[in-house]
């Protein structure tokens, strides 16, 4: 699953998902 797919599922931008993965939870 790509970041773009995750973003689509979550309804957020790819930038937000990328920042989440890079920064952790």
N, C-alpha and C. Protein backbone atom coordinates (compact mmCIF):
# COMPACT_ATOMS: atom_id res chain seq x y z
N UNK A 1 0.85 -1.20 0.00
CA UNK A 1 0.00 0.00 0.00
C UNK A 1 0.89 1.24 0.00
N UNK A 2 0.60 2.16 -0.90
CA UNK A 2 1.42 3.36 -1.01
C UNK A 2 0.88 4.46 -0.12
N UNK A 3 1.70 5.47 0.11
CA UNK A 3 1.27 6.62 0.90
C UNK A 3 0.04 7.26 0.26
N UNK A 4 0.03 7.30 -1.07
CA UNK A 4 -1.09 7.91 -1.78
C UNK A 4 -2.38 7.15 -1.52
N UNK A 5 -2.29 5.82 -1.48
CA UNK A 5 -3.47 4.99 -1.19
C UNK A 5 -3.94 5.20 0.24
N UNK A 6 -2.97 5.25 1.16
CA UNK A 6 -3.31 5.49 2.56
C UNK A 6 -4.00 6.84 2.71
N UNK A 7 -3.46 7.85 2.05
CA UNK A 7 -4.03 9.19 2.11
C UNK A 7 -5.45 9.21 1.57
N UNK A 8 -5.66 8.48 0.47
CA UNK A 8 -6.99 8.41 -0.13
C UNK A 8 -7.99 7.77 0.82
N UNK A 9 -7.56 6.67 1.45
CA UNK A 9 -8.41 5.95 2.40
C UNK A 9 -8.74 6.83 3.61
N UNK A 10 -7.73 7.56 4.08
CA UNK A 10 -7.88 8.35 5.30
C UNK A 10 -8.52 9.71 5.01
N UNK A 11 -8.53 10.11 3.75
CA UNK A 11 -9.13 11.39 3.39
C UNK A 11 -8.23 12.56 3.74
N UNK A 12 -6.91 12.33 3.70
CA UNK A 12 -5.97 13.40 3.98
C UNK A 12 -4.99 13.53 2.83
N UNK A 13 -4.17 14.58 2.84
CA UNK A 13 -3.19 14.77 1.78
C UNK A 13 -2.01 13.84 1.95
N UNK A 14 -1.32 13.58 0.84
CA UNK A 14 -0.13 12.73 0.91
C UNK A 14 0.94 13.38 1.77
N UNK A 15 0.98 14.70 1.77
CA UNK A 15 1.95 15.42 2.59
C UNK A 15 1.70 15.16 4.07
N UNK A 16 0.42 15.14 4.46
CA UNK A 16 0.08 14.88 5.86
C UNK A 16 0.47 13.47 6.26
N UNK A 17 0.21 12.51 5.37
CA UNK A 17 0.56 11.12 5.65
C UNK A 17 2.08 10.97 5.73
N UNK A 18 2.78 11.61 4.79
CA UNK A 18 4.24 11.53 4.77
C UNK A 18 4.82 12.10 6.06
N UNK A 19 4.27 13.24 6.48
CA UNK A 19 4.73 13.88 7.71
C UNK A 19 4.44 12.98 8.91
N UNK A 20 3.30 12.32 8.91
CA UNK A 20 2.94 11.41 9.99
C UNK A 20 3.93 10.26 10.08
N UNK A 21 4.25 9.65 8.93
CA UNK A 21 5.19 8.53 8.92
C UNK A 21 6.59 8.98 9.31
N UNK A 22 6.99 10.15 8.84
CA UNK A 22 8.34 10.65 9.12
C UNK A 22 8.48 11.04 10.58
N UNK A 23 7.41 11.59 11.16
CA UNK A 23 7.46 12.06 12.54
C UNK A 23 7.04 11.00 13.54
N UNK A 24 6.44 9.92 13.04
CA UNK A 24 5.93 8.88 13.92
C UNK A 24 4.63 9.33 14.57
N UNK A 25 4.16 8.57 15.53
CA UNK A 25 2.92 8.90 16.21
C UNK A 25 3.22 9.43 17.60
